[in-house]
Amino acid sequence: MYFGVARKGGCNMKASSRLIICALLLVAFDCHAFEMFIHTGYKNTPDFSKYGFSKSTIIYEQQIYGPKETRDDISKQNLNKISAIVLTDNSGVVILDIEHWFKNWGRKSNSQKKEVINRYSNTLDELRMAHPGHKFGYFGVVPAWAHRDIISSQKLLSKWFDENEFRKSLVESVDVLYPSLYTHDENPEEWKAKAILVLAKAKEIANGRKVIPFIWPNYSEMSVEHKYGNRELPVSYWRMQMEFLKDSADGFVIWNGALGSKGNWVESMPWWIETKDFVRDNFPGKYNRE
């Protein structure tokens, strides 16, 4: 595994050395300001605020666009749909998940890519004017999504650095950065190495904004050859991720399905039991269930 990419302000070195430096780039975080959010596809969920989770709103593109409507632009009517959800939820924290705009990204010209970046920026500028006091951000847009093999591929790493440079202007339009740190394989050290890289880049471009990554208690659907896809993580692996982010990020968003995609909530799910233990052990003042 080798980080053989020379960047301005960086150097070529073996992965272990590079990861140490990346770790040093992560600033010290105030545990008292650590924010936790949770979004699941389950029905009849408990009151998560009793377990230390703050309220936030995720707005998916299927809530913005009609089934036959083009998703290649955003209209005043689309913005009004978003505003209606913002006003109804009134959570103060709004995360937009609009992934279609990156469709066929590798085939787009630089001018087409700039048009998409401007669309992302202009959308939040419009929403911020309509809803002052709310914090807005995008899931997985800045920093750019990192390929599961980025740690072992010089080509992918170099491409990722370039992509983040291209998207850097978008940071000025968001209030919070929400990178994706979903799990793609069974090796916790691989996950941690990628997380260190992504969080270091996020803090570098954030200009003081909070970095709150998304995590998922299941293996990603995009796991290697779909071998692990949607299978629940071992509780030790899940606990490691939460503990790592407690010391390395401003919080996390637990995502586990969208828009009623699952059945009824089951209180005895191993990942949820471990999550409650994590909150109780690390933030007893936030855990008000008992």
Protein backbone atom coordinates (compact mmCIF):
# COMPACT_ATOMS: atom_id res chain seq x y z
CA MET A 1 0.00 0.00 0.00
CA TYR A 2 1.69 3.20 -1.15
CA PHE A 3 0.81 6.87 -1.28
CA GLY A 4 3.12 7.67 -4.17
CA VAL A 5 1.60 11.03 -5.08
CA ALA A 6 3.57 14.26 -4.96
CA ARG A 7 1.36 17.24 -4.19
CA LYS A 8 2.10 20.84 -3.42
CA GLY A 9 2.79 20.93 0.28
CA GLY A 10 3.20 17.14 0.39
CA CYS A 11 5.69 14.43 -0.52
CA ASN A 12 6.04 10.83 -1.65
CA MET A 13 6.12 8.39 1.22
CA LYS A 14 4.87 5.01 2.33
CA ALA A 15 1.31 4.73 3.47
CA SER A 16 2.11 4.39 7.16
CA SER A 17 4.09 7.64 7.21
CA ARG A 18 1.49 9.43 5.14
CA LEU A 19 -1.28 8.36 7.48
CA ILE A 20 0.64 9.60 10.50
CA ILE A 21 0.98 13.01 8.91
CA CYS A 22 -2.69 13.01 7.91
CA ALA A 23 -3.58 12.21 11.50
CA LEU A 24 -1.51 15.15 12.72
CA LEU A 25 -3.41 17.41 10.34
CA LEU A 26 -6.64 16.63 12.17
CA VAL A 27 -7.32 19.36 14.69
CA ALA A 28 -8.19 18.69 18.32
CA PHE A 29 -11.97 18.54 18.69
CA ASP A 30 -14.07 19.67 21.65
CA CYS A 31 -15.99 16.59 22.83
CA HIS A 32 -18.65 18.84 24.35
CA ALA A 33 -19.49 20.16 20.87
CA PHE A 34 -19.74 16.68 19.36
CA GLU A 35 -23.02 16.40 17.42
CA MET A 36 -24.83 13.16 16.65
CA PHE A 37 -27.67 12.71 14.18
CA ILE A 38 -29.55 9.62 13.06
CA HIS A 39 -31.75 8.85 10.05
CA THR A 40 -33.22 5.43 9.43
CA GLY A 41 -35.77 3.93 7.07
CA TYR A 42 -37.59 2.24 9.93
CA LYS A 43 -41.14 2.97 10.98
CA ASN A 44 -42.17 3.65 14.60
CA THR A 45 -38.72 4.76 15.70
CA PRO A 46 -38.05 5.91 19.26
CA ASP A 47 -37.44 9.49 20.31
CA PHE A 48 -33.74 9.64 19.47
CA SER A 49 -33.26 12.88 21.41
CA LYS A 50 -33.47 10.78 24.59
CA TYR A 51 -30.30 9.03 23.48
CA GLY A 52 -28.29 12.16 22.73
CA PHE A 53 -29.16 12.65 19.06
CA SER A 54 -30.00 16.09 17.69
CA LYS A 55 -32.69 16.68 15.11
CA SER A 56 -31.78 17.23 11.47
CA THR A 57 -33.51 17.01 8.11
CA ILE A 58 -32.36 15.00 5.08
CA ILE A 59 -34.05 15.93 1.82
CA TYR A 60 -33.67 13.36 -0.96
CA GLU A 61 -33.89 14.17 -4.63
CA GLN A 62 -37.01 12.00 -5.02
CA GLN A 63 -38.73 14.46 -2.69
CA ILE A 64 -37.67 17.35 -4.91
CA TYR A 65 -38.45 15.97 -8.37
CA GLY A 66 -41.50 14.28 -9.82
CA PRO A 67 -41.17 10.75 -11.30
CA LYS A 68 -41.09 12.04 -14.90
CA GLU A 69 -39.34 15.32 -14.19
CA THR A 70 -35.80 15.97 -15.43
CA ARG A 71 -33.26 16.15 -12.64
CA ASP A 72 -30.63 17.95 -14.68
CA ASP A 73 -31.60 21.36 -13.31
CA ILE A 74 -33.52 22.86 -10.41
CA SER A 75 -36.56 25.09 -10.82
CA LYS A 76 -38.36 27.52 -8.58
CA GLN A 77 -40.99 24.84 -8.04
CA ASN A 78 -38.27 22.39 -6.89
CA LEU A 79 -36.90 24.99 -4.49
CA ASN A 80 -40.39 25.54 -3.12
CA LYS A 81 -40.67 21.81 -2.40
CA ILE A 82 -37.43 21.95 -0.43
CA SER A 83 -38.59 25.04 1.46
CA ALA A 84 -41.85 23.35 2.41
CA ILE A 85 -39.94 20.45 3.98
CA VAL A 86 -37.55 22.83 5.76
CA LEU A 87 -40.48 24.76 7.23
CA THR A 88 -42.36 21.59 8.25
CA ASP A 89 -39.41 19.93 9.98
CA ASN A 90 -37.93 23.16 11.38
CA SER A 91 -34.87 21.26 12.59
CA GLY A 92 -32.40 24.04 11.81
CA VAL A 93 -30.01 21.53 10.20
CA VAL A 94 -30.70 20.60 6.57
CA ILE A 95 -28.76 18.04 4.51
CA LEU A 96 -29.53 17.73 0.80
CA ASP A 97 -28.86 14.44 -0.95
CA ILE A 98 -28.82 15.25 -4.66
CA GLU A 99 -26.61 12.69 -6.38
CA HIS A 100 -28.05 12.80 -9.91
CA TRP A 101 -26.15 15.98 -10.76
CA PHE A 102 -22.93 13.95 -10.67
CA LYS A 103 -24.23 11.36 -13.12
CA ASN A 104 -21.72 10.69 -15.93
CA TRP A 105 -19.31 13.02 -14.16
CA GLY A 106 -16.25 11.56 -15.85
CA ARG A 107 -17.70 12.29 -19.28
CA LYS A 108 -18.46 15.94 -18.59
CA SER A 109 -16.25 18.75 -19.84
CA ASN A 110 -14.76 21.20 -17.32
CA SER A 111 -17.34 23.81 -18.31
CA GLN A 112 -20.15 21.31 -17.71
CA LYS A 113 -18.65 20.40 -14.34
CA LYS A 114 -18.44 24.07 -13.37
CA GLU A 115 -22.09 24.45 -14.28
CA VAL A 116 -22.97 21.61 -11.89
CA ILE A 117 -20.85 23.06 -9.08
CA ASN A 118 -22.52 26.44 -9.60
CA ARG A 119 -25.92 24.73 -9.43
CA TYR A 120 -25.03 23.22 -6.07
CA SER A 121 -23.84 26.61 -4.81
CA ASN A 122 -26.75 28.62 -6.17
CA THR A 123 -29.28 26.19 -4.70
CA LEU A 124 -27.95 26.74 -1.19
CA ASP A 125 -27.66 30.49 -1.73
CA GLU A 126 -31.38 30.58 -2.59
CA LEU A 127 -32.34 28.41 0.36
CA ARG A 128 -30.23 30.38 2.80
CA MET A 129 -31.95 33.61 1.78
CA ALA A 130 -35.34 31.96 2.29
CA HIS A 131 -34.38 30.32 5.60
CA PRO A 132 -31.88 32.44 7.51
CA GLY A 133 -30.55 30.76 10.63
CA HIS A 134 -30.64 27.26 9.17
CA LYS A 135 -27.43 25.32 8.49
CA PHE A 136 -27.23 23.74 5.04
CA GLY A 137 -24.94 21.12 3.53
CA TYR A 138 -24.74 18.30 1.00
CA PHE A 139 -24.17 14.62 1.57
CA GLY A 140 -20.97 13.38 -0.06
CA VAL A 141 -20.25 16.40 -2.28
CA VAL A 142 -17.34 18.13 -0.51
CA PRO A 143 -14.93 16.55 -0.02
CA ALA A 144 -15.50 14.37 -3.07
CA TRP A 145 -16.59 10.78 -2.66
CA ALA A 146 -13.48 8.62 -2.18
CA HIS A 147 -13.23 5.32 -4.05
CA ARG A 148 -12.96 2.25 -1.82
CA ASP A 149 -9.49 1.50 -3.29
CA ILE A 150 -8.11 5.02 -2.92
CA ILE A 151 -5.64 3.98 -0.22
CA SER A 152 -3.88 1.48 -2.48
CA SER A 153 -4.05 3.31 -5.82
CA GLN A 154 -1.80 6.23 -6.69
CA LYS A 155 -3.96 6.98 -9.74
CA LEU A 156 -7.19 7.14 -7.74
CA LEU A 157 -5.58 9.22 -5.01
CA SER A 158 -4.19 11.74 -7.49
CA LYS A 159 -7.55 11.99 -9.24
CA TRP A 160 -9.28 12.50 -5.89
CA PHE A 161 -6.93 15.35 -4.92
CA ASP A 162 -7.63 17.03 -8.27
CA GLU A 163 -11.37 16.58 -7.86
CA ASN A 164 -11.33 18.22 -4.45
CA GLU A 165 -9.37 21.14 -5.85
CA PHE A 166 -12.03 21.51 -8.54
CA ARG A 167 -14.88 21.49 -5.98
CA LYS A 168 -13.17 23.73 -3.42
CA SER A 169 -15.24 26.81 -4.32
CA LEU A 170 -18.40 24.97 -3.24
CA VAL A 171 -17.19 24.92 0.35
CA GLU A 172 -18.04 28.62 0.66
CA SER A 173 -21.72 27.79 0.06
CA VAL A 174 -22.12 25.09 2.71
CA ASP A 175 -22.30 25.51 6.47
CA VAL A 176 -21.21 21.95 7.32
CA LEU A 177 -19.26 19.29 5.40
CA TYR A 178 -20.86 15.83 5.32
CA PRO A 179 -18.43 13.33 3.74
CA SER A 180 -19.33 9.67 3.30
CA LEU A 181 -17.41 7.12 5.37
CA TYR A 182 -19.46 4.05 4.55
CA THR A 183 -17.84 0.63 4.96
CA HIS A 184 -16.78 -1.39 1.91
CA ASP A 185 -14.85 -4.34 3.33
CA GLU A 186 -14.15 -6.31 6.50
CA ASN A 187 -10.78 -4.73 7.30
CA PRO A 188 -11.13 -2.05 10.03
CA GLU A 189 -7.64 -0.72 9.36
CA GLU A 190 -8.54 -0.07 5.73
CA TRP A 191 -11.62 1.84 6.84
CA LYS A 192 -9.60 3.85 9.34
CA ALA A 193 -6.90 4.67 6.78
CA LYS A 194 -9.50 6.00 4.36
CA ALA A 195 -11.26 7.91 7.14
CA ILE A 196 -8.02 9.61 8.17
CA LEU A 197 -7.41 10.67 4.57
CA VAL A 198 -10.95 11.96 3.99
CA LEU A 199 -11.18 13.82 7.30
CA ALA A 200 -7.77 15.44 6.84
CA LYS A 201 -8.81 16.75 3.42
CA ALA A 202 -12.17 17.86 4.77
CA LYS A 203 -10.56 19.86 7.59
CA GLU A 204 -8.07 21.33 5.14
CA ILE A 205 -10.78 22.80 2.88
CA ALA A 206 -13.44 23.46 5.52
CA ASN A 207 -12.17 26.90 6.57
CA GLY A 208 -13.42 26.37 10.11
CA ARG A 209 -16.70 24.68 9.18
CA LYS A 210 -17.70 21.54 11.01
CA VAL A 211 -16.98 18.14 9.48
CA ILE A 212 -19.67 15.58 10.30
CA PRO A 213 -19.33 12.36 8.26
CA PHE A 214 -22.05 9.86 7.43
CA ILE A 215 -21.61 6.31 8.72
CA TRP A 216 -23.78 3.25 8.18
CA PRO A 217 -24.06 0.23 10.52
CA ASN A 218 -24.22 -2.02 7.44
CA TYR A 219 -21.68 -2.73 4.74
CA SER A 220 -22.31 -0.47 1.78
CA GLU A 221 -24.30 -1.73 -1.17
CA MET A 222 -21.17 -0.90 -3.17
CA SER A 223 -19.03 -3.31 -1.15
CA VAL A 224 -16.46 -5.39 -3.02
CA GLU A 225 -18.34 -7.45 -5.61
CA HIS A 226 -21.44 -6.88 -3.43
CA LYS A 227 -20.05 -9.64 -1.23
CA TYR A 228 -20.86 -7.82 1.98
CA GLY A 229 -23.57 -5.44 0.74
CA ASN A 230 -26.27 -4.55 3.29
CA ARG A 231 -24.97 -7.03 5.88
CA GLU A 232 -24.79 -5.53 9.36
CA LEU A 233 -21.32 -4.66 10.63
CA PRO A 234 -19.91 -6.63 13.57
CA VAL A 235 -20.57 -4.58 16.69
CA SER A 236 -16.85 -4.25 17.45
CA TYR A 237 -16.27 -2.76 13.99
CA TRP A 238 -19.21 -0.39 14.41
CA ARG A 239 -18.02 0.68 17.87
CA MET A 240 -14.51 1.32 16.54
CA GLN A 241 -15.90 3.70 13.92
CA MET A 242 -17.89 5.71 16.45
CA GLU A 243 -14.96 5.90 18.88
CA PHE A 244 -12.61 6.97 16.09
CA LEU A 245 -14.93 9.76 14.95
CA LYS A 246 -15.42 10.93 18.53
CA ASP A 247 -11.75 11.86 18.52
CA SER A 248 -11.40 12.88 14.86
CA ALA A 249 -14.55 14.70 13.73
CA ASP A 250 -17.17 17.17 14.92
CA GLY A 251 -19.83 14.49 15.03
CA PHE A 252 -21.46 11.87 12.84
CA VAL A 253 -24.69 11.12 11.03
CA ILE A 254 -25.89 7.53 11.35
CA TRP A 255 -27.77 6.60 8.19
CA ASN A 256 -29.64 3.33 7.84
CA GLY A 257 -32.17 3.54 5.04
CA ALA A 258 -34.32 6.25 3.50
CA LEU A 259 -37.97 7.24 3.43
CA GLY A 260 -39.67 4.28 5.06
CA SER A 261 -37.59 1.71 3.20
CA LYS A 262 -37.52 -0.68 6.15
CA GLY A 263 -40.06 -2.32 8.44
CA ASN A 264 -40.87 -1.54 12.05
CA TRP A 265 -38.14 -0.50 14.44
CA VAL A 266 -36.54 -3.30 16.46
CA GLU A 267 -35.03 -2.14 19.74
CA SER A 268 -32.83 -5.23 20.08
CA MET A 269 -30.80 -4.65 16.90
CA PRO A 270 -27.12 -5.22 17.85
CA TRP A 271 -25.89 -2.02 16.18
CA TRP A 272 -28.44 0.05 18.09
CA ILE A 273 -27.59 -1.54 21.42
CA GLU A 274 -23.91 -0.77 20.76
CA THR A 275 -24.77 2.80 19.74
CA LYS A 276 -26.62 3.39 22.99
CA ASP A 277 -23.68 1.98 24.94
CA PHE A 278 -21.34 4.31 23.05
CA VAL A 279 -23.41 7.37 23.93
CA ARG A 280 -23.84 6.31 27.56
CA ASP A 281 -20.11 5.63 27.96
CA ASN A 282 -18.85 8.78 26.24
CA PHE A 283 -21.61 11.36 26.69
CA PRO A 284 -23.54 10.40 29.83
CA GLY A 285 -24.95 13.91 30.08
CA LYS A 286 -26.68 13.48 26.72
CA TYR A 287 -28.14 10.08 27.51
CA ASN A 288 -31.46 10.74 29.24
CA ARG A 289 -33.26 7.47 28.59
CA GLU A 290 -32.78 6.03 32.06
